[in-house]
């Protein structure tokens, strides 16, 4: 495999030499600026062998480097071993940026190439300015992958289906009208949308073009006179075409999008999101483009309506029942000494959820990390890495599902034997942060960065931390990672607002020993209004117990113990009647029994 990837890189280098490109940047991106990509756009993976969802590959005539963040340090080191590609640990003070490295290794006047359909407008502008400081130029027309990737996967052809209004709570035509009503505020007449989740949400359509993400590969143009969906005709049948027409949307082939916008009237002003629109689209629009830092679709999509909220509550009950069955089976096998591996855990969790008639898909690849593998934040077991479980140590399971009425995401860390003092201490410190964030009351206009330290403080006091964010937004039968809000150390200028669903997932990862993460999904809701204004809080949505054996109550306050017991009582109340038999009810009763000092 490494030999094949080396041949791929050499083919790229030959193309670079012909085009006068000194360095090629291969981002993990597609023309829709999505986090998760269809196989057709997995160029970085094809060249490097690294399978993580974040990372940038840089190739020069004599060097190959891959930048990725802390979630993938361990995984990337393993997957890049023997490839000749150097791992650059992004985010560490000792690691230069991509541009900084290029500036110190390329001569002045050198050209850096990238495919402009894989680079956002905002990133392209920043990169051009930063490269110019080193006397380097950026060429965004460098696209030779089609010519060297001979067996490149085709664009997805999966059928589109309509997401029924009983789940969405709002017609597509009404959403479109609401978005277009905002155009005058931006001095624009129309809008061009590249983001697949925004298109799916706006039009109430779904597909399966991206693994675990029910989106359709498309572009969307909206204007008062006409709205056009650019999508492969093979993806539509007569019913979906009729549906789109009933919502005021016509259809043209996916490949016609650039030609269409290049032919728009010179005086038309077209709104584009600078962070989720490619530089090639922006340059094709030319003076017609009006850029904004955040699409007018982002906030309405993030703030779920009452129909969606009731749907996710139903989905959480269904999900909790499936997890009771799954964790019962995992525990049974381990106690009985039956051979059970991480991949078996993935299968058990998937099959438990898939038994529900409403199940559509997993919401991401299940992470089942036993012992040291739990410390690999985005670990995904393979046939080569697959560890056998033993009646000792910790098992971290991060999983979720796609249902028509909601998307779930939950992480539980459980002890498979007698928990050690260190395991209980680390788990309890993580849970203290989880509880502190879950109980926060905060004023309107609060950003996630202002809350992030709340979840980290107890780990910090013991000289520990974690490098990933504490919370990400979650879509409604859409991406399990959704913006624009987040809870993380770096500042994101989007306030938390009622209707937003955000994860609460502090963790700690000790390389070579164990990883611990405790994740629930939360709904932002109003808390109170006083003379100081409106205050908000989090309502926990996820319904499944934490491992009682791992709590060290000597490290907990009375209020923290009360929170755990109240949460577990609610889990029991919500799930008990939905369980199928007495053994399941007995398991849940034991798993949710009060913890005491």
Protein backbone atom coordinates (compact mmCIF):
# COMPACT_ATOMS: atom_id res chain seq x y z
CA UNK A 1 0.00 0.00 0.00
CA UNK A 2 2.83 2.40 0.87
CA UNK A 3 4.48 1.66 -2.48
CA UNK A 4 1.23 2.54 -4.29
CA UNK A 5 0.90 5.80 -2.37
CA UNK A 6 4.51 6.67 -3.16
CA UNK A 7 3.72 6.14 -6.86
CA UNK A 8 0.72 8.43 -6.51
CA UNK A 9 2.88 11.14 -4.96
CA UNK A 10 5.49 10.75 -7.69
CA UNK A 11 2.76 11.18 -10.32
CA UNK A 12 1.69 14.36 -8.55
CA UNK A 13 5.28 15.61 -8.48
CA UNK A 14 5.57 15.04 -12.22
CA UNK A 15 2.47 17.15 -12.76
CA UNK A 16 3.83 19.83 -10.45
CA UNK A 17 7.06 20.01 -12.42
CA UNK A 18 5.17 20.40 -15.70
CA UNK A 19 3.02 23.20 -14.25
CA UNK A 20 5.88 25.05 -12.58
CA UNK A 21 4.51 24.34 -9.10
CA UNK A 22 7.10 24.21 -6.31
CA UNK A 23 4.69 22.94 -3.65
CA UNK A 24 1.21 21.43 -3.83
CA UNK A 25 -1.24 21.76 -0.96
CA UNK A 26 -3.81 18.95 -0.71
CA UNK A 27 -6.48 19.85 1.85
CA UNK A 28 -9.09 17.52 3.27
CA UNK A 29 -11.89 19.27 1.43
CA UNK A 30 -14.48 19.13 -1.31
CA UNK A 31 -16.19 21.89 -3.34
CA UNK A 32 -18.81 22.16 -0.59
CA UNK A 33 -16.39 22.78 2.28
CA UNK A 34 -17.72 19.79 4.20
CA UNK A 35 -15.98 18.03 7.07
CA UNK A 36 -16.85 14.58 5.80
CA UNK A 37 -16.18 13.77 2.17
CA UNK A 38 -17.50 11.42 -0.46
CA UNK A 39 -14.88 8.97 -1.76
CA UNK A 40 -14.51 11.03 -4.95
CA UNK A 41 -12.95 13.85 -2.92
CA UNK A 42 -10.70 11.77 -0.66
CA UNK A 43 -7.58 12.98 -2.48
CA UNK A 44 -5.46 13.46 0.63
CA UNK A 45 -6.29 9.94 1.80
CA UNK A 46 -5.43 8.52 -1.64
CA UNK A 47 -2.04 10.21 -1.61
CA UNK A 48 -1.05 9.68 2.03
CA UNK A 49 -2.96 6.70 3.43
CA UNK A 50 -4.06 8.80 6.42
CA UNK A 51 -7.79 8.33 7.00
CA UNK A 52 -8.56 11.02 9.59
CA UNK A 53 -11.24 13.62 8.89
CA UNK A 54 -8.88 16.59 9.35
CA UNK A 55 -5.47 17.23 7.88
CA UNK A 56 -3.51 18.93 5.11
CA UNK A 57 -0.87 17.30 2.92
CA UNK A 58 1.99 19.32 1.44
CA UNK A 59 4.16 17.92 -1.34
CA UNK A 60 7.34 19.48 -2.70
CA UNK A 61 9.96 18.04 -5.03
CA UNK A 62 11.83 16.46 -2.13
CA UNK A 63 9.49 16.48 0.88
CA UNK A 64 6.05 15.33 1.95
CA UNK A 65 4.39 16.50 5.16
CA UNK A 66 1.00 16.09 6.77
CA UNK A 67 -0.49 18.52 9.28
CA UNK A 68 -3.25 17.25 11.55
CA UNK A 69 -4.64 18.15 14.98
CA UNK A 70 -4.44 16.47 18.35
CA UNK A 71 -7.39 14.15 17.71
CA UNK A 72 -5.23 12.29 15.20
CA UNK A 73 -1.64 12.52 16.48
CA UNK A 74 -1.47 8.86 17.46
CA UNK A 75 -3.48 7.58 14.49
CA UNK A 76 -1.53 9.63 11.95
CA UNK A 77 1.81 8.49 13.36
CA UNK A 78 0.73 4.88 12.91
CA UNK A 79 -0.75 5.30 9.42
CA UNK A 80 2.16 7.37 8.09
CA UNK A 81 4.86 5.03 9.40
CA UNK A 82 7.13 3.94 6.55
CA UNK A 83 5.48 6.29 4.03
CA UNK A 84 8.19 8.95 4.03
CA UNK A 85 5.55 11.54 4.96
CA UNK A 86 6.49 13.62 7.99
CA UNK A 87 3.81 14.19 10.63
CA UNK A 88 3.36 17.83 11.64
CA UNK A 89 1.44 18.11 14.91
CA UNK A 90 -0.77 21.10 14.29
CA UNK A 91 -1.56 23.29 17.27
CA UNK A 92 1.70 22.70 19.11
CA UNK A 93 3.93 25.73 19.64
CA UNK A 94 6.87 23.84 18.11
CA UNK A 95 5.00 23.10 14.86
CA UNK A 96 5.18 25.73 12.12
CA UNK A 97 2.08 26.50 10.09
CA UNK A 98 1.81 25.22 6.53
CA UNK A 99 2.63 28.68 5.18
CA UNK A 100 5.42 29.18 7.72
CA UNK A 101 7.07 25.92 6.66
CA UNK A 102 6.73 26.77 2.97
CA UNK A 103 8.18 30.23 3.58
CA UNK A 104 11.28 28.78 5.20
CA UNK A 105 11.81 26.02 2.61
CA UNK A 106 10.92 27.54 -0.76
CA UNK A 107 12.87 30.22 -2.63
CA UNK A 108 11.29 33.63 -3.22
CA UNK A 109 9.22 33.69 -6.38
CA UNK A 110 8.15 30.06 -6.03
CA UNK A 111 4.57 29.12 -6.85
CA UNK A 112 2.35 27.16 -4.46
CA UNK A 113 -0.45 25.26 -6.16
CA UNK A 114 -3.88 24.22 -4.90
CA UNK A 115 -7.19 23.28 -6.48
CA UNK A 116 -9.37 26.37 -6.03
CA UNK A 117 -12.48 24.20 -5.79
CA UNK A 118 -11.06 22.80 -2.53
CA UNK A 119 -10.27 26.10 -0.82
CA UNK A 120 -12.70 28.57 0.73
CA UNK A 121 -12.65 32.26 -0.15
CA UNK A 122 -11.57 33.30 3.35
CA UNK A 123 -8.79 30.71 3.52
CA UNK A 124 -7.58 31.59 0.01
CA UNK A 125 -7.36 35.29 0.84
CA UNK A 126 -5.48 34.60 4.07
CA UNK A 127 -3.14 32.14 2.35
CA UNK A 128 -2.34 34.56 -0.49
CA UNK A 129 -1.50 37.33 1.98
CA UNK A 130 0.59 35.05 4.19
CA UNK A 131 2.52 33.54 1.27
CA UNK A 132 3.20 37.01 -0.15
CA UNK A 133 5.12 37.89 3.01
CA UNK A 134 7.65 35.22 1.98
CA UNK A 135 7.69 36.26 -1.67
CA UNK A 136 5.57 33.27 -2.69
CA UNK A 137 2.50 33.23 -4.92
CA UNK A 138 -0.62 31.07 -4.85
CA UNK A 139 -1.99 29.38 -7.98
CA UNK A 140 -5.57 28.21 -7.38
CA UNK A 141 -5.93 26.60 -10.80
CA UNK A 142 -3.70 23.60 -10.04
CA UNK A 143 -6.00 20.61 -10.53
CA UNK A 144 -4.41 17.52 -12.05
CA UNK A 145 -5.89 14.81 -9.83
CA UNK A 146 -8.33 13.54 -12.48
CA UNK A 147 -5.43 12.92 -14.83
CA UNK A 148 -3.34 10.91 -12.34
CA UNK A 149 -6.02 9.15 -10.26
CA UNK A 150 -6.94 6.64 -12.93
CA UNK A 151 -9.50 4.67 -10.89
CA UNK A 152 -10.91 7.68 -9.07
CA UNK A 153 -14.36 6.94 -7.58
CA UNK A 154 -17.24 8.55 -9.45
CA UNK A 155 -19.36 11.29 -7.95
CA UNK A 156 -22.10 9.78 -5.75
CA UNK A 157 -25.24 8.72 -7.60
CA UNK A 158 -27.47 7.76 -4.66
CA UNK A 159 -31.11 8.77 -4.97
CA UNK A 160 -32.53 11.84 -3.26
CA UNK A 161 -35.57 11.49 -1.03
CA UNK A 162 -37.88 14.00 0.64
CA UNK A 163 -37.59 14.58 4.39
CA UNK A 164 -41.24 14.75 5.36
CA UNK A 165 -42.69 17.88 6.94
CA UNK A 166 -43.86 15.85 9.95
CA UNK A 167 -40.16 15.69 10.85
CA UNK A 168 -39.00 19.10 9.57
CA UNK A 169 -41.88 21.23 10.79
CA UNK A 170 -41.52 23.70 7.93
CA UNK A 171 -41.95 23.68 4.17
CA UNK A 172 -38.96 24.25 1.90
CA UNK A 173 -40.76 27.10 0.12
CA UNK A 174 -41.19 28.92 3.44
CA UNK A 175 -37.51 28.48 4.32
CA UNK A 176 -36.47 29.77 0.90
CA UNK A 177 -38.74 32.82 1.26
CA UNK A 178 -37.26 33.55 4.69
CA UNK A 179 -33.69 33.40 3.37
CA UNK A 180 -34.47 35.58 0.36
CA UNK A 181 -36.14 38.14 2.64
CA UNK A 182 -32.72 38.74 4.18
CA UNK A 183 -30.98 39.51 0.90
CA UNK A 184 -31.76 43.23 1.03
CA UNK A 185 -29.92 43.46 4.37
CA UNK A 186 -26.79 42.36 2.49
CA UNK A 187 -27.49 44.48 -0.61
CA UNK A 188 -27.86 41.33 -2.66
CA UNK A 189 -30.64 39.96 -4.86
CA UNK A 190 -29.76 36.27 -4.81
CA UNK A 191 -27.67 33.70 -2.98
CA UNK A 192 -25.45 30.82 -4.11
CA UNK A 193 -25.13 27.99 -1.58
CA UNK A 194 -22.42 25.33 -1.69
CA UNK A 195 -22.79 23.74 1.77
CA UNK A 196 -24.51 20.36 1.46
CA UNK A 197 -26.11 20.42 4.90
CA UNK A 198 -27.61 23.86 4.23
CA UNK A 199 -29.04 22.68 0.90
CA UNK A 200 -30.49 19.53 2.47
CA UNK A 201 -32.05 21.52 5.31
CA UNK A 202 -33.44 24.27 3.08
CA UNK A 203 -35.06 21.95 0.56
CA UNK A 204 -36.07 19.20 3.03
CA UNK A 205 -34.21 16.62 0.96
CA UNK A 206 -31.78 13.92 2.02
CA UNK A 207 -29.55 11.34 0.35
CA UNK A 208 -26.54 9.20 1.28
CA UNK A 209 -23.72 10.74 -0.72
CA UNK A 210 -21.36 11.09 2.24
CA UNK A 211 -20.81 8.23 4.66
CA UNK A 212 -23.13 8.65 7.66
CA UNK A 213 -24.21 12.11 6.46
CA UNK A 214 -27.63 12.14 4.73
CA UNK A 215 -26.81 14.86 2.20
CA UNK A 216 -26.93 15.15 -1.59
CA UNK A 217 -24.05 16.48 -3.68
CA UNK A 218 -25.41 19.70 -5.16
CA UNK A 219 -25.22 23.47 -5.44
CA UNK A 220 -28.21 25.76 -4.95
CA UNK A 221 -29.02 29.16 -6.43
CA UNK A 222 -31.92 31.13 -4.97
CA UNK A 223 -33.44 34.33 -6.29
CA UNK A 224 -36.93 35.87 -6.26
CA UNK A 225 -37.34 35.01 -9.95
CA UNK A 226 -36.03 31.45 -9.92
CA UNK A 227 -34.35 28.88 -7.75
CA UNK A 228 -32.12 26.21 -9.27
CA UNK A 229 -30.70 23.02 -7.76
CA UNK A 230 -27.56 21.80 -9.56
CA UNK A 231 -27.46 18.05 -9.11
CA UNK A 232 -26.75 14.90 -11.14
CA UNK A 233 -30.02 14.04 -12.94
CA UNK A 234 -29.57 10.37 -12.06
CA UNK A 235 -30.12 11.22 -8.41
CA UNK A 236 -33.72 12.33 -8.98
CA UNK A 237 -36.86 10.51 -9.97
CA UNK A 238 -40.14 11.96 -11.18
CA UNK A 239 -41.49 12.25 -7.62
CA UNK A 240 -38.56 14.26 -6.29
CA UNK A 241 -38.53 16.48 -9.39
CA UNK A 242 -42.26 17.14 -8.87
CA UNK A 243 -41.67 17.82 -5.18
CA UNK A 244 -38.92 20.34 -5.92
CA UNK A 245 -41.11 22.03 -8.52
CA UNK A 246 -43.89 22.34 -5.93
CA UNK A 247 -41.44 24.22 -3.70
CA UNK A 248 -40.43 26.54 -6.56
CA UNK A 249 -37.13 24.85 -7.44
CA UNK A 250 -36.00 23.76 -10.90
CA UNK A 251 -33.14 21.38 -11.67
CA UNK A 252 -29.99 21.57 -13.79
CA UNK A 253 -26.97 19.21 -14.01
CA UNK A 254 -24.38 19.45 -11.24
CA UNK A 255 -21.60 20.28 -13.68
CA UNK A 256 -23.46 23.34 -15.02
CA UNK A 257 -23.20 25.37 -11.81
CA UNK A 258 -20.11 27.42 -12.71
CA UNK A 259 -21.34 28.06 -16.24
CA UNK A 260 -24.69 29.21 -14.85
CA UNK A 261 -23.27 31.73 -12.38
CA UNK A 262 -20.78 33.04 -14.94
CA UNK A 263 -23.74 33.94 -17.18
CA UNK A 264 -25.72 35.84 -14.53
CA UNK A 265 -26.39 39.52 -15.31
CA UNK A 266 -23.37 41.67 -14.58
CA UNK A 267 -25.33 43.87 -12.21
CA UNK A 268 -26.80 41.06 -10.11
CA UNK A 269 -25.42 40.83 -6.60
CA UNK A 270 -25.07 37.25 -5.34
CA UNK A 271 -24.53 36.51 -1.66
CA UNK A 272 -21.91 33.87 -0.78
CA UNK A 273 -20.62 32.57 2.55
CA UNK A 274 -16.88 33.29 2.47
CA UNK A 275 -16.09 30.32 4.72
CA UNK A 276 -18.17 27.72 2.83
CA UNK A 277 -17.79 28.90 -0.77
CA UNK A 278 -14.70 28.09 -2.82
CA UNK A 279 -12.36 30.69 -4.26
CA UNK A 280 -13.11 29.33 -7.75
CA UNK A 281 -16.83 30.06 -7.31
CA UNK A 282 -16.01 33.52 -5.97
CA UNK A 283 -13.73 34.29 -8.89
CA UNK A 284 -16.32 32.99 -11.36
CA UNK A 285 -18.89 35.39 -9.92
CA UNK A 286 -16.42 38.24 -10.03
CA UNK A 287 -17.91 41.61 -9.09
CA UNK A 288 -21.33 40.01 -8.66
CA UNK A 289 -20.24 38.34 -5.40
CA UNK A 290 -21.20 39.82 -2.05
CA UNK A 291 -19.39 38.01 0.73
CA UNK A 292 -20.63 37.37 4.27
CA UNK A 293 -18.84 35.66 7.12
CA UNK A 294 -21.75 33.36 7.87
CA UNK A 295 -24.56 32.16 5.66
CA UNK A 296 -28.08 33.37 6.52
CA UNK A 297 -29.01 29.68 6.53
CA UNK A 298 -26.65 28.73 9.37
CA UNK A 299 -28.53 30.07 12.39
CA UNK A 300 -32.07 29.04 11.36
CA UNK A 301 -30.73 25.54 10.68
CA UNK A 302 -28.95 25.39 14.03
CA UNK A 303 -31.93 26.61 16.08
CA UNK A 304 -34.32 23.67 15.92
CA UNK A 305 -38.08 24.28 15.87
CA UNK A 306 -40.54 22.57 18.21
CA UNK A 307 -41.28 19.75 15.75
CA UNK A 308 -37.59 18.96 15.46
CA UNK A 309 -37.06 19.19 19.23
CA UNK A 310 -39.89 16.79 19.96
CA UNK A 311 -38.45 14.50 17.30
CA UNK A 312 -35.00 14.40 18.87
CA UNK A 313 -36.56 13.64 22.26
CA UNK A 314 -38.29 10.62 20.73
CA UNK A 315 -35.05 9.60 19.05
CA UNK A 316 -33.20 9.78 22.37
CA UNK A 317 -35.60 7.32 23.99
CA UNK A 318 -35.18 4.95 21.04
CA UNK A 319 -31.41 5.38 21.18
CA UNK A 320 -31.26 4.80 24.93
CA UNK A 321 -33.22 1.56 24.62
CA UNK A 322 -30.84 0.33 21.91
CA UNK A 323 -27.83 1.16 24.07
CA UNK A 324 -29.25 -0.72 27.06
CA UNK A 325 -29.40 -3.82 24.87
CA UNK A 326 -25.92 -3.20 23.46
CA UNK A 327 -24.13 -2.59 26.77
CA UNK A 328 -25.92 -5.51 28.40
CA UNK A 329 -24.57 -7.76 25.66
CA UNK A 330 -21.03 -6.34 25.91
CA UNK A 331 -21.00 -6.84 29.68
CA UNK A 332 -22.46 -10.35 29.38
CA UNK A 333 -19.78 -11.45 26.93
CA UNK A 334 -16.92 -10.04 28.99
CA UNK A 335 -18.20 -11.57 32.24
CA UNK A 336 -18.73 -14.92 30.51
CA UNK A 337 -15.23 -14.85 29.07
CA UNK A 338 -16.55 -15.03 25.50
CA UNK A 339 -14.02 -13.78 22.93
CA UNK A 340 -15.04 -10.16 22.22
CA UNK A 341 -13.10 -7.52 20.33
CA UNK A 342 -13.44 -3.82 19.57
CA UNK A 343 -14.96 -4.66 16.19
CA UNK A 344 -17.46 -6.91 17.94
CA UNK A 345 -18.45 -3.91 20.07
CA UNK A 346 -18.95 -1.82 16.92
CA UNK A 347 -21.18 -4.56 15.50
CA UNK A 348 -23.17 -4.99 18.71
CA UNK A 349 -23.87 -1.27 19.00
CA UNK A 350 -24.81 -0.96 15.33
CA UNK A 351 -27.08 -4.00 15.35
CA UNK A 352 -28.87 -2.85 18.49
CA UNK A 353 -29.75 0.46 16.88
CA UNK A 354 -30.49 -1.02 13.46
CA UNK A 355 -33.20 -3.22 14.98
CA UNK A 356 -35.39 -0.13 15.31
CA UNK A 357 -37.55 0.37 12.18
CA UNK A 358 -36.77 4.12 12.26
CA UNK A 359 -33.00 3.57 12.02
CA UNK A 360 -31.41 4.98 8.85
CA UNK A 361 -27.65 4.87 9.48
CA UNK A 362 -24.94 5.40 12.04
CA UNK A 363 -24.20 9.10 12.43
CA UNK A 364 -20.44 8.43 12.26
CA UNK A 365 -18.07 5.50 12.43
CA UNK A 366 -18.37 4.02 15.91
CA UNK A 367 -15.31 4.50 18.12
CA UNK A 368 -14.76 1.49 20.36
CA UNK A 369 -11.39 1.98 22.03
CA UNK A 370 -10.26 -0.51 24.64
CA UNK A 371 -7.53 0.40 27.14
CA UNK A 372 -4.73 2.29 25.33
CA UNK A 373 -6.82 2.62 22.17
CA UNK A 374 -9.23 4.82 24.11
CA UNK A 375 -6.50 7.45 24.20
CA UNK A 376 -6.70 7.78 20.39
CA UNK A 377 -9.42 10.41 20.23
CA UNK A 378 -10.89 9.41 16.86
CA UNK A 379 -9.80 5.79 16.92
CA UNK A 380 -11.55 3.43 14.51
CA UNK A 381 -10.76 -0.25 14.96
CA UNK A 382 -9.44 -2.16 11.96
CA UNK A 383 -8.65 -5.80 11.40
CA UNK A 384 -5.01 -4.98 12.15
CA UNK A 385 -5.57 -2.92 15.31
CA UNK A 386 -8.56 -4.85 16.69
CA UNK A 387 -8.02 -5.49 20.42
CA UNK A 388 -9.63 -8.26 22.43
CA UNK A 389 -11.49 -7.13 25.54
CA UNK A 390 -10.52 -8.46 28.94
CA UNK A 391 -12.26 -8.28 32.31
CA UNK A 392 -10.17 -5.27 33.27
CA UNK A 393 -9.47 -1.76 32.09
CA UNK A 394 -11.65 0.83 30.40
CA UNK A 395 -13.69 0.68 27.21
CA UNK A 396 -14.61 3.95 25.49
CA UNK A 397 -17.59 3.77 23.11
CA UNK A 398 -18.50 6.87 21.06
CA UNK A 399 -21.42 6.24 18.73
CA UNK A 400 -24.57 7.71 17.26
CA UNK A 401 -27.42 7.18 14.87
CA UNK A 402 -29.36 8.88 12.11
CA UNK A 403 -33.13 8.72 12.49
CA UNK A 404 -35.64 10.78 10.46
CA UNK A 405 -36.59 12.59 13.67
CA UNK A 406 -33.09 13.29 14.93
CA UNK A 407 -29.35 12.66 15.05
CA UNK A 408 -27.72 11.20 18.15
CA UNK A 409 -24.16 11.20 19.48
CA UNK A 410 -23.12 9.72 22.82
CA UNK A 411 -19.89 8.62 24.47
CA UNK A 412 -19.69 6.33 27.48
CA UNK A 413 -16.58 5.02 29.18
CA UNK A 414 -17.11 1.84 31.20
CA UNK A 415 -14.95 -0.35 33.42
CA UNK A 416 -14.75 -3.98 32.35
CA UNK A 417 -13.44 -5.17 35.71
CA UNK A 418 -12.46 -3.77 39.10
CA UNK A 419 -11.71 -0.12 38.50
CA UNK A 420 -8.34 1.17 39.67
CA UNK A 421 -7.93 4.31 41.76
CA UNK A 422 -6.46 6.15 38.78
CA UNK A 423 -9.29 5.14 36.49
CA UNK A 424 -11.85 6.33 39.03
CA UNK A 425 -10.00 9.58 39.67
CA UNK A 426 -9.61 10.44 35.98
CA UNK A 427 -13.22 9.51 35.22
CA UNK A 428 -14.56 11.56 38.12
CA UNK A 429 -12.54 14.64 37.14
CA UNK A 430 -13.96 14.41 33.63
CA UNK A 431 -17.48 14.00 35.00
CA UNK A 432 -17.07 16.97 37.35
CA UNK A 433 -16.41 19.09 34.26
CA UNK A 434 -19.34 17.51 32.42
CA UNK A 435 -21.67 18.26 35.34
CA UNK A 436 -20.41 21.82 35.74
CA UNK A 437 -21.14 22.58 32.09
CA UNK A 438 -24.50 20.80 32.18
CA UNK A 439 -25.58 22.97 35.11
CA UNK A 440 -24.41 26.31 33.71
CA UNK A 441 -26.78 29.25 33.54
CA UNK A 442 -25.46 31.99 31.31
CA UNK A 443 -26.65 35.29 29.83
CA UNK A 444 -27.85 35.83 26.29
CA UNK A 445 -25.03 36.52 23.83
CA UNK A 446 -22.63 34.06 25.51
CA UNK A 447 -20.13 32.37 23.22
CA UNK A 448 -18.91 28.83 23.65
CA UNK A 449 -15.35 29.92 24.40
CA UNK A 450 -16.67 31.69 27.51
CA UNK A 451 -17.96 28.36 28.86
CA UNK A 452 -15.20 26.00 27.76
CA UNK A 453 -12.99 26.41 30.83
CA UNK A 454 -15.93 25.42 33.04
CA UNK A 455 -15.53 21.84 31.82
CA UNK A 456 -11.72 21.80 31.99
CA UNK A 457 -11.09 23.36 35.41
CA UNK A 458 -11.01 20.14 37.44
CA UNK A 459 -8.56 18.46 35.08
CA UNK A 460 -6.41 21.59 35.00
CA UNK A 461 -6.12 21.52 38.80
CA UNK A 462 -4.50 18.08 38.44
CA UNK A 463 -2.21 19.08 35.58
CA UNK A 464 -4.32 17.39 32.90
CA UNK A 465 -6.27 18.63 29.91
CA UNK A 466 -7.57 17.64 26.47
CA UNK A 467 -6.92 19.28 23.14
CA UNK A 468 -10.27 18.80 21.37
CA UNK A 469 -13.31 21.03 21.77
CA UNK A 470 -15.76 20.48 24.60
CA UNK A 471 -18.87 20.82 22.46
CA UNK A 472 -19.96 20.81 18.81
CA UNK A 473 -23.32 21.52 17.23
CA UNK A 474 -25.43 18.63 15.95
CA UNK A 475 -27.81 18.67 13.00
CA UNK A 476 -31.33 17.32 12.70
CA UNK A 477 -31.09 14.17 10.57
CA UNK A 478 -27.96 15.84 9.19
CA UNK A 479 -24.31 16.11 10.15
CA UNK A 480 -23.31 14.96 13.62
CA UNK A 481 -20.86 17.89 13.54
CA UNK A 482 -22.70 21.09 12.69
CA UNK A 483 -21.93 24.76 13.12
CA UNK A 484 -22.00 27.54 13.61
CA UNK A 485 -21.82 27.27 17.42
CA UNK A 486 -19.22 25.37 19.40
CA UNK A 487 -17.77 25.17 22.90
CA UNK A 488 -14.01 25.23 22.64
CA UNK A 489 -10.92 27.15 23.77
CA UNK A 490 -10.54 29.15 20.57
CA UNK A 491 -13.04 31.96 20.08
CA UNK A 492 -15.95 31.40 17.71
CA UNK A 493 -18.06 34.55 17.39
CA UNK A 494 -21.45 32.83 17.46
CA UNK A 495 -23.57 33.09 20.61
CA UNK A 496 -25.41 30.09 21.97
CA UNK A 497 -29.15 30.43 21.34
CA UNK A 498 -32.36 28.58 22.22
CA UNK A 499 -32.94 25.59 19.97
CA UNK A 500 -29.27 24.82 19.42
CA UNK A 501 -28.21 21.24 20.12
CA UNK A 502 -24.60 21.02 21.32
CA UNK A 503 -22.52 18.20 22.76
CA UNK A 504 -21.02 18.24 26.25
CA UNK A 505 -17.95 16.00 26.02
CA UNK A 506 -14.90 16.69 28.16
CA UNK A 507 -12.29 13.96 28.26
CA UNK A 508 -8.80 12.97 29.22
CA UNK A 509 -6.38 10.79 27.23
CA UNK A 510 -3.30 9.13 28.67
CA UNK A 511 -1.26 7.70 25.81
CA UNK A 512 -0.57 4.03 26.18
CA UNK A 513 -2.94 3.66 29.16
CA UNK A 514 -6.55 4.79 28.67
CA UNK A 515 -8.92 7.39 27.31
CA UNK A 516 -12.03 8.72 29.03
CA UNK A 517 -14.79 10.79 27.46
CA UNK A 518 -18.29 11.44 28.80
CA UNK A 519 -20.66 12.89 26.21
CA UNK A 520 -24.30 13.89 26.22
CA UNK A 521 -26.18 16.10 23.79
CA UNK A 522 -27.80 19.21 25.23
CA UNK A 523 -30.49 21.62 24.09
CA UNK A 524 -30.07 25.33 24.77
CA UNK A 525 -33.26 26.65 26.40
CA UNK A 526 -34.35 29.81 28.26
CA UNK A 527 -33.64 29.72 32.01
CA UNK A 528 -34.98 33.02 33.37
CA UNK A 529 -35.39 36.70 32.62
CA UNK A 530 -34.36 39.24 35.23
CA UNK A 531 -33.56 42.94 35.36
CA UNK A 532 -30.17 41.89 33.95
CA UNK A 533 -31.70 40.34 30.85
CA UNK A 534 -32.46 36.83 29.59
CA UNK A 535 -30.45 33.87 30.83
CA UNK A 536 -30.08 30.46 29.17
CA UNK A 537 -29.24 26.94 30.30
CA UNK A 538 -28.68 23.46 28.89
CA UNK A 539 -31.32 20.74 28.92
CA UNK A 540 -29.65 17.33 28.67
CA UNK A 541 -31.23 15.27 25.89
CA UNK A 542 -29.23 12.03 25.93
CA UNK A 543 -30.74 9.20 27.97
CA UNK A 544 -28.26 6.55 29.11
CA UNK A 545 -26.47 5.98 32.43
CA UNK A 546 -22.84 6.62 33.24
CA UNK A 547 -20.84 3.79 34.79
CA UNK A 548 -21.54 4.01 38.53
CA UNK A 549 -18.43 1.94 39.34
CA UNK A 550 -16.18 4.71 38.06
CA UNK A 551 -17.34 7.53 40.33
CA UNK A 552 -15.00 8.42 43.19
CA UNK A 553 -17.47 10.19 45.46
CA UNK A 554 -14.67 11.42 47.74
CA UNK A 555 -13.77 13.84 44.95
CA UNK A 556 -17.37 15.00 44.45
CA UNK A 557 -19.52 17.61 46.11
CA UNK A 558 -23.00 16.84 47.40
CA UNK A 559 -24.46 18.82 44.50
CA UNK A 560 -22.49 16.78 41.95
CA UNK A 561 -23.68 13.51 43.48
CA UNK A 562 -27.24 14.88 43.43
CA UNK A 563 -26.88 15.77 39.73
CA UNK A 564 -25.78 12.22 38.83
CA UNK A 565 -28.62 10.69 40.83
CA UNK A 566 -31.21 13.05 39.36
CA UNK A 567 -29.96 12.36 35.84
CA UNK A 568 -30.02 8.61 36.39
CA UNK A 569 -33.52 8.80 37.87
CA UNK A 570 -34.67 10.66 34.76
CA UNK A 571 -33.01 8.08 32.48
CA UNK A 572 -34.81 5.29 34.32
CA UNK A 573 -38.12 7.14 34.17
CA UNK A 574 -37.85 7.85 30.45
CA UNK A 575 -36.56 4.44 29.32
CA UNK A 576 -38.10 1.88 31.67
CA UNK A 577 -41.49 1.59 29.97
CA UNK A 578 -39.85 1.38 26.53
CA UNK A 579 -37.74 -1.64 27.42
CA UNK A 580 -38.83 -5.06 26.19
CA UNK A 581 -38.36 -7.41 29.14
CA UNK A 582 -37.62 -7.77 32.82
CA UNK A 583 -33.86 -8.47 32.45
CA UNK A 584 -33.47 -5.16 30.61
CA UNK A 585 -35.46 -3.33 33.29
CA UNK A 586 -33.40 -4.97 36.04
CA UNK A 587 -30.15 -3.95 34.30
CA UNK A 588 -31.32 -0.36 33.95
CA UNK A 589 -32.52 -0.21 37.55
CA UNK A 590 -29.10 -1.34 38.76
CA UNK A 591 -27.26 1.00 36.37
CA UNK A 592 -29.28 4.00 37.58
CA UNK A 593 -29.31 3.26 41.31
CA UNK A 594 -28.17 6.23 43.40
CA UNK A 595 -24.48 6.68 44.09
CA UNK A 596 -23.54 7.41 47.69
CA UNK A 597 -20.46 8.34 49.61
